[in-house]
């Protein structure tokens, strides 16, 4: 087969591979990043347990029991809280009422519908049955997708922990690039994961944890939900967390709880702000992501706009790989210019060896 024809066959097959693997690409990429972070720990455990497979199995099992299962239950509970909070805000007749709804507990409200008799149940089924079935189908589908993603993540994590280095060497050797270029891209890939998990993730968890404790101590309803939202918006440096605790403090003041509002403002400015100013630089240095906070934020926002929630991870990854590609192109262009100057000097220099 001619080389040009083989090149087009390769392009089509790679495009098909991306199309097939795209639905499960997020857990696979997360597993690759997680394996890179856990590999030093696995090496130490391997010396104690007698092999990589046992160490990898122990790490995956511990991660499942300590993180995945509790996180799944927390996400399920928090998801219900987010839906409830969003419904209350949407049903508020004014901005003032929405802020008060955030700060006040509406659990004493009567149920939307009281099931008073079998006839009432039949009427509800007739009126909302199709909508309820559609909603239930969506929930079941989403739960199935999450379960598949968790399975793929755990299985891929185990595989990458055991055989990740061999797979990386194979990929570098067979990539249509020079080995040094492929190695640079692999390092940029792992750098992005380390930067997101350590530099961004730990900062968000620290700020979200402090905010959650403050909400609980002040008796703010749905404290865990608001803490999760605080963690998510912490990717915006300096002012991100204020987008959550600020409206909550204003809602407390509007509902007559002025002291609680002042305490929350003090905690937000002093404590949560200190976490951002002190811990974020430390975590960023540990993460060593070669992107500024502004570029990282734009990459996340652009990724979410283009790809949905998965863009929160793929946006920074694409930008970081693009930055690495530009650096490689600049280095290659500089090397070409040096070679051209060297050749030009050699051509102008007279040959005195026979003189």
Protein backbone atom coordinates (compact mmCIF):
# COMPACT_ATOMS: atom_id res chain seq x y z
CA UNK A 1 0.00 0.00 0.00
CA UNK A 2 1.26 3.45 -0.87
CA UNK A 3 2.29 5.60 2.06
CA UNK A 4 -0.21 8.37 1.23
CA UNK A 5 -3.06 5.87 1.17
CA UNK A 6 -1.95 4.36 4.45
CA UNK A 7 -1.85 7.83 5.99
CA UNK A 8 -5.49 8.45 5.09
CA UNK A 9 -6.50 5.02 6.39
CA UNK A 10 -4.74 5.87 9.65
CA UNK A 11 -6.55 9.23 9.91
CA UNK A 12 -9.95 7.59 9.36
CA UNK A 13 -9.27 4.82 11.87
CA UNK A 14 -8.00 7.27 14.53
CA UNK A 15 -11.11 9.41 14.00
CA UNK A 16 -13.26 6.31 14.42
CA UNK A 17 -11.33 5.38 17.56
CA UNK A 18 -11.97 8.82 19.06
CA UNK A 19 -15.67 8.58 18.15
CA UNK A 20 -16.01 5.15 19.79
CA UNK A 21 -14.10 6.00 22.95
CA UNK A 22 -15.43 9.54 23.44
CA UNK A 23 -18.41 8.52 25.66
CA UNK A 24 -16.02 6.93 28.16
CA UNK A 25 -13.07 9.27 27.60
CA UNK A 26 -13.57 11.23 30.83
CA UNK A 27 -13.19 8.27 33.26
CA UNK A 28 -10.27 6.95 31.19
CA UNK A 29 -8.43 10.29 31.30
CA UNK A 30 -9.20 10.66 35.02
CA UNK A 31 -7.85 7.15 35.61
CA UNK A 32 -4.64 7.95 33.72
CA UNK A 33 -4.14 11.08 35.82
CA UNK A 34 -4.95 9.20 39.02
CA UNK A 35 -2.51 6.42 38.16
CA UNK A 36 0.24 8.96 37.61
CA UNK A 37 -0.38 10.47 41.04
CA UNK A 38 -0.71 7.12 42.83
CA UNK A 39 2.22 5.35 41.16
CA UNK A 40 4.85 6.43 43.77
CA UNK A 41 2.59 5.15 46.55
CA UNK A 42 1.98 1.93 44.64
CA UNK A 43 5.74 1.40 44.27
CA UNK A 44 6.17 1.54 48.06
CA UNK A 45 3.17 -0.72 48.61
CA UNK A 46 4.50 -3.14 46.00
CA UNK A 47 7.66 -3.69 48.02
CA UNK A 48 5.51 -4.55 51.04
CA UNK A 49 2.86 -6.68 49.32
CA UNK A 50 5.14 -8.47 46.90
CA UNK A 51 4.06 -7.17 43.50
CA UNK A 52 2.43 -4.44 41.47
CA UNK A 53 -0.83 -6.29 40.94
CA UNK A 54 -1.48 -6.76 44.64
CA UNK A 55 -0.54 -3.18 45.39
CA UNK A 56 -2.73 -1.86 42.57
CA UNK A 57 -5.64 -4.04 43.70
CA UNK A 58 -5.26 -2.81 47.26
CA UNK A 59 -5.15 0.83 46.16
CA UNK A 60 -8.23 0.50 43.93
CA UNK A 61 -10.15 -1.31 46.67
CA UNK A 62 -9.20 1.30 49.27
CA UNK A 63 -10.11 4.11 46.88
CA UNK A 64 -13.48 2.49 46.20
CA UNK A 65 -14.34 2.04 49.87
CA UNK A 66 -12.94 5.36 51.11
CA UNK A 67 -13.82 7.71 48.24
CA UNK A 68 -16.02 6.35 45.46
CA UNK A 69 -18.85 4.87 47.55
CA UNK A 70 -19.13 7.79 50.03
CA UNK A 71 -18.80 10.28 47.17
CA UNK A 72 -21.55 8.54 45.22
CA UNK A 73 -23.91 8.71 48.18
CA UNK A 74 -22.97 12.33 48.83
CA UNK A 75 -23.50 13.32 45.19
CA UNK A 76 -26.92 11.63 45.21
CA UNK A 77 -27.96 13.47 48.37
CA UNK A 78 -26.45 16.76 47.24
CA UNK A 79 -28.09 16.44 43.86
CA UNK A 80 -31.47 16.35 45.53
CA UNK A 81 -30.50 19.39 47.59
CA UNK A 82 -29.36 21.31 44.52
CA UNK A 83 -32.64 20.56 42.75
CA UNK A 84 -34.61 21.67 45.81
CA UNK A 85 -32.58 24.87 46.16
CA UNK A 86 -32.94 25.66 42.47
CA UNK A 87 -36.70 25.10 42.66
CA UNK A 88 -37.05 27.45 45.63
CA UNK A 89 -35.03 30.18 43.90
CA UNK A 90 -36.94 29.78 40.64
CA UNK A 91 -40.31 29.98 42.44
CA UNK A 92 -39.34 33.11 44.38
CA UNK A 93 -41.34 36.14 43.21
CA UNK A 94 -38.43 38.58 43.62
CA UNK A 95 -34.67 38.74 44.12
CA UNK A 96 -35.19 39.56 47.81
CA UNK A 97 -37.40 36.50 48.26
CA UNK A 98 -34.80 34.34 46.48
CA UNK A 99 -32.06 35.48 48.87
CA UNK A 100 -34.27 34.83 51.86
CA UNK A 101 -35.12 31.37 50.48
CA UNK A 102 -31.39 30.57 50.40
CA UNK A 103 -30.92 31.56 54.05
CA UNK A 104 -34.18 30.22 55.49
CA UNK A 105 -35.29 26.64 55.92
CA UNK A 106 -38.50 25.88 54.12
CA UNK A 107 -38.87 22.38 55.53
CA UNK A 108 -41.98 23.37 57.45
CA UNK A 109 -43.91 23.91 54.25
CA UNK A 110 -46.73 21.52 53.59
CA UNK A 111 -46.22 18.87 50.90
CA UNK A 112 -47.11 19.87 47.39
CA UNK A 113 -49.70 17.15 47.12
CA UNK A 114 -51.31 15.14 49.89
CA UNK A 115 -52.27 11.62 48.96
CA UNK A 116 -55.65 11.65 50.63
CA UNK A 117 -57.35 8.77 48.87
CA UNK A 118 -56.91 6.15 46.13
CA UNK A 119 -58.96 8.40 43.85
CA UNK A 120 -56.41 11.19 44.37
CA UNK A 121 -53.60 8.81 43.47
CA UNK A 122 -55.39 7.83 40.25
CA UNK A 123 -55.88 11.50 39.36
CA UNK A 124 -52.19 12.20 39.97
CA UNK A 125 -51.16 9.30 37.78
CA UNK A 126 -53.48 10.43 35.00
CA UNK A 127 -52.27 14.02 35.21
CA UNK A 128 -48.54 13.53 35.72
CA UNK A 129 -47.94 9.91 34.77
CA UNK A 130 -46.22 10.54 31.43
CA UNK A 131 -44.02 13.27 32.86
CA UNK A 132 -43.11 11.12 35.87
CA UNK A 133 -42.24 8.17 33.62
CA UNK A 134 -40.06 10.40 31.45
CA UNK A 135 -38.32 11.78 34.53
CA UNK A 136 -37.83 8.31 35.99
CA UNK A 137 -36.40 7.08 32.69
CA UNK A 138 -33.96 9.98 32.66
CA UNK A 139 -32.89 9.25 36.23
CA UNK A 140 -32.37 5.57 35.45
CA UNK A 141 -30.37 6.45 32.34
CA UNK A 142 -28.19 8.92 34.24
CA UNK A 143 -27.62 6.40 37.04
CA UNK A 144 -26.60 3.79 34.46
CA UNK A 145 -24.15 6.21 32.81
CA UNK A 146 -22.63 7.09 36.20
CA UNK A 147 -22.29 3.41 37.12
CA UNK A 148 -20.60 2.68 33.77
CA UNK A 149 -18.25 5.63 34.27
CA UNK A 150 -17.28 4.48 37.76
CA UNK A 151 -16.62 0.93 36.52
CA UNK A 152 -14.50 2.17 33.61
CA UNK A 153 -12.57 4.50 35.93
CA UNK A 154 -11.75 1.80 38.48
CA UNK A 155 -10.84 -0.83 35.88
CA UNK A 156 -8.73 1.65 33.89
CA UNK A 157 -7.05 2.87 37.07
CA UNK A 158 -6.03 -0.68 37.97
CA UNK A 159 -4.77 -1.32 34.43
CA UNK A 160 -2.77 1.90 34.30
CA UNK A 161 -1.25 1.26 37.72
CA UNK A 162 -0.10 -2.20 36.66
CA UNK A 163 0.88 -1.67 33.02
CA UNK A 164 0.84 2.10 32.60
CA UNK A 165 4.57 2.53 31.99
CA UNK A 166 4.64 -0.22 29.35
CA UNK A 167 1.59 1.28 27.64
CA UNK A 168 3.19 4.72 27.63
CA UNK A 169 6.40 3.34 26.11
CA UNK A 170 4.39 1.58 23.40
CA UNK A 171 2.46 4.76 22.64
CA UNK A 172 5.64 6.85 22.44
CA UNK A 173 7.32 4.29 20.20
CA UNK A 174 4.38 4.01 17.76
CA UNK A 175 3.25 7.64 17.68
CA UNK A 176 3.87 9.41 14.32
CA UNK A 177 6.18 11.89 16.08
CA UNK A 178 9.76 11.95 17.22
CA UNK A 179 10.29 10.20 20.55
CA UNK A 180 11.38 13.41 22.28
CA UNK A 181 8.23 15.22 21.07
CA UNK A 182 5.93 12.39 22.21
CA UNK A 183 7.61 12.37 25.63
CA UNK A 184 6.98 16.11 25.98
CA UNK A 185 3.29 15.65 25.19
CA UNK A 186 2.99 12.79 27.68
CA UNK A 187 4.59 14.93 30.38
CA UNK A 188 2.24 17.83 29.57
CA UNK A 189 -0.72 15.43 29.81
CA UNK A 190 0.26 14.24 33.28
CA UNK A 191 1.17 17.77 34.36
CA UNK A 192 -2.38 18.90 33.55
CA UNK A 193 -3.90 16.15 35.70
CA UNK A 194 -1.55 16.86 38.59
CA UNK A 195 -2.25 20.58 38.35
CA UNK A 196 -6.03 20.14 38.30
CA UNK A 197 -6.12 17.57 41.10
CA UNK A 198 -3.56 19.21 43.38
CA UNK A 199 -3.45 22.88 42.45
CA UNK A 200 -7.16 23.40 41.83
CA UNK A 201 -8.83 20.47 43.59
CA UNK A 202 -7.17 20.80 46.98
CA UNK A 203 -7.76 24.56 47.07
CA UNK A 204 -11.43 24.06 46.26
CA UNK A 205 -11.82 21.32 48.87
CA UNK A 206 -10.17 23.47 51.53
CA UNK A 207 -12.36 26.49 50.81
CA UNK A 208 -15.50 24.40 50.42
CA UNK A 209 -14.78 22.62 53.71
CA UNK A 210 -14.29 25.85 55.63
CA UNK A 211 -17.44 27.31 54.10
CA UNK A 212 -19.48 24.18 54.91
CA UNK A 213 -18.41 24.30 58.56
CA UNK A 214 -19.37 27.98 58.69
CA UNK A 215 -22.79 27.32 57.13
CA UNK A 216 -23.45 24.48 59.57
CA UNK A 217 -22.34 26.51 62.60
CA UNK A 218 -24.58 29.43 61.60
CA UNK A 219 -27.58 27.21 60.97
CA UNK A 220 -27.80 27.93 57.24
CA UNK A 221 -30.10 25.38 55.55
CA UNK A 222 -28.67 23.09 52.86
CA UNK A 223 -25.15 23.75 54.17
CA UNK A 224 -23.64 20.79 52.29
CA UNK A 225 -25.14 21.94 49.00
CA UNK A 226 -23.87 25.48 49.51
CA UNK A 227 -20.48 24.10 50.51
CA UNK A 228 -20.33 22.10 47.27
CA UNK A 229 -21.22 25.20 45.27
CA UNK A 230 -18.52 27.15 47.14
CA UNK A 231 -16.01 24.46 46.21
CA UNK A 232 -17.01 24.59 42.54
CA UNK A 233 -16.78 28.38 42.17
CA UNK A 234 -13.42 28.48 43.98
CA UNK A 235 -11.73 27.95 40.59
CA UNK A 236 -12.23 31.71 40.15
CA UNK A 237 -9.34 33.24 42.14
CA UNK A 238 -9.97 35.77 44.93
CA UNK A 239 -13.70 36.47 44.33
CA UNK A 240 -15.02 33.02 43.38
CA UNK A 241 -16.24 31.85 46.78
CA UNK A 242 -17.88 35.23 47.46
CA UNK A 243 -20.36 34.38 44.70
CA UNK A 244 -21.88 31.89 47.17
CA UNK A 245 -21.24 33.10 50.70
CA UNK A 246 -22.02 36.71 49.71
CA UNK A 247 -25.66 36.05 48.69
CA UNK A 248 -26.04 33.72 51.69
CA UNK A 249 -24.89 36.50 54.05
CA UNK A 250 -27.23 38.95 52.34
CA UNK A 251 -30.09 36.47 52.71
CA UNK A 252 -29.33 36.12 56.41
CA UNK A 253 -29.42 39.90 56.82
CA UNK A 254 -32.71 40.21 54.92
CA UNK A 255 -34.26 37.51 57.10
CA UNK A 256 -33.32 39.44 60.27
CA UNK A 257 -30.22 37.43 61.27
CA UNK A 258 -27.79 40.35 61.16
CA UNK A 259 -25.23 38.89 63.57
CA UNK A 260 -25.01 35.64 61.58
CA UNK A 261 -24.64 37.66 58.38
CA UNK A 262 -21.74 39.67 59.83
CA UNK A 263 -20.05 36.52 61.13
CA UNK A 264 -20.33 34.85 57.71
CA UNK A 265 -18.89 37.92 55.98
CA UNK A 266 -15.98 37.93 58.45
CA UNK A 267 -15.33 34.22 57.86
CA UNK A 268 -15.56 34.70 54.11
CA UNK A 269 -13.16 37.62 53.98
CA UNK A 270 -10.66 36.52 56.64
CA UNK A 271 -10.70 32.71 56.76
CA UNK A 272 -11.79 31.65 53.27
CA UNK A 273 -9.82 34.53 51.76
CA UNK A 274 -6.72 33.43 53.68
CA UNK A 275 -7.12 29.90 52.35
CA UNK A 276 -7.17 31.32 48.83
CA UNK A 277 -4.21 33.64 49.37
CA UNK A 278 -2.04 31.26 51.41
CA UNK A 279 -2.86 27.71 50.34
CA UNK A 280 -3.57 28.27 46.64
CA UNK A 281 0.06 29.31 45.84
CA UNK A 282 1.32 26.30 47.81
CA UNK A 283 -0.97 23.87 45.99
CA UNK A 284 -0.21 25.48 42.63
CA UNK A 285 3.52 24.99 43.24
CA UNK A 286 2.88 21.36 44.17
CA UNK A 287 0.73 20.90 41.09
CA UNK A 288 3.25 22.69 38.84
CA UNK A 289 0.75 23.42 36.07
CA UNK A 290 2.32 25.72 33.48
CA UNK A 291 -0.82 27.80 32.98
CA UNK A 292 -1.70 31.06 34.69
CA UNK A 293 -4.87 31.27 36.77
CA UNK A 294 -6.49 33.49 34.13
CA UNK A 295 -5.73 31.10 31.25
CA UNK A 296 -6.83 28.12 33.36
CA UNK A 297 -10.15 29.81 34.14
CA UNK A 298 -10.74 30.66 30.47
CA UNK A 299 -9.90 27.08 29.50
CA UNK A 300 -12.40 25.69 32.02
CA UNK A 301 -15.18 28.08 31.04
CA UNK A 302 -14.55 27.58 27.33
CA UNK A 303 -14.38 23.82 27.77
CA UNK A 304 -17.70 23.73 29.62
CA UNK A 305 -19.32 25.94 26.96
CA UNK A 306 -18.06 23.74 24.13
CA UNK A 307 -18.22 20.24 25.62
CA UNK A 308 -20.46 20.43 28.66
CA UNK A 309 -19.29 19.30 32.13
CA UNK A 310 -16.44 17.18 30.71
CA UNK A 311 -14.95 20.40 29.35
CA UNK A 312 -13.98 21.31 32.90
CA UNK A 313 -11.13 18.79 32.44
CA UNK A 314 -10.67 18.65 28.67
CA UNK A 315 -10.53 22.44 28.28
CA UNK A 316 -7.35 22.83 30.35
CA UNK A 317 -5.91 19.66 28.81
CA UNK A 318 -6.36 20.94 25.24
CA UNK A 319 -4.94 24.37 26.16
CA UNK A 320 -1.93 22.85 27.95
CA UNK A 321 -1.16 20.54 25.00
CA UNK A 322 -1.55 23.50 22.62
CA UNK A 323 0.93 25.51 24.70
CA UNK A 324 3.37 22.58 24.55
CA UNK A 325 2.89 22.29 20.77
CA UNK A 326 3.64 26.00 20.35
CA UNK A 327 6.78 25.62 22.46
CA UNK A 328 7.91 22.65 20.37
CA UNK A 329 7.23 24.54 17.14
CA UNK A 330 9.19 27.56 18.39
CA UNK A 331 12.12 25.34 19.39
CA UNK A 332 12.06 23.54 16.02
CA UNK A 333 11.95 26.86 14.15
CA UNK A 334 14.89 28.19 16.20
CA UNK A 335 16.86 25.02 15.49
CA UNK A 336 16.14 25.36 11.76
CA UNK A 337 17.36 28.97 11.77
CA UNK A 338 20.55 27.98 13.60
CA UNK A 339 21.21 25.21 11.08
CA UNK A 340 20.60 27.64 8.21
CA UNK A 341 23.03 30.20 9.69
CA UNK A 342 25.63 27.49 10.27
CA UNK A 343 25.30 26.26 6.71
CA UNK A 344 25.52 29.81 5.36
CA UNK A 345 28.70 30.50 7.35
CA UNK A 346 30.27 27.25 6.16
CA UNK A 347 29.45 28.11 2.55
CA UNK A 348 31.03 31.57 2.85
CA UNK A 349 34.17 30.36 4.64
CA UNK A 350 37.03 29.69 2.13
CA UNK A 351 38.48 26.22 2.15
CA UNK A 352 42.09 26.65 3.23
CA UNK A 353 42.89 23.00 3.67
CA UNK A 354 44.62 22.82 0.28
CA UNK A 355 46.28 26.21 0.65
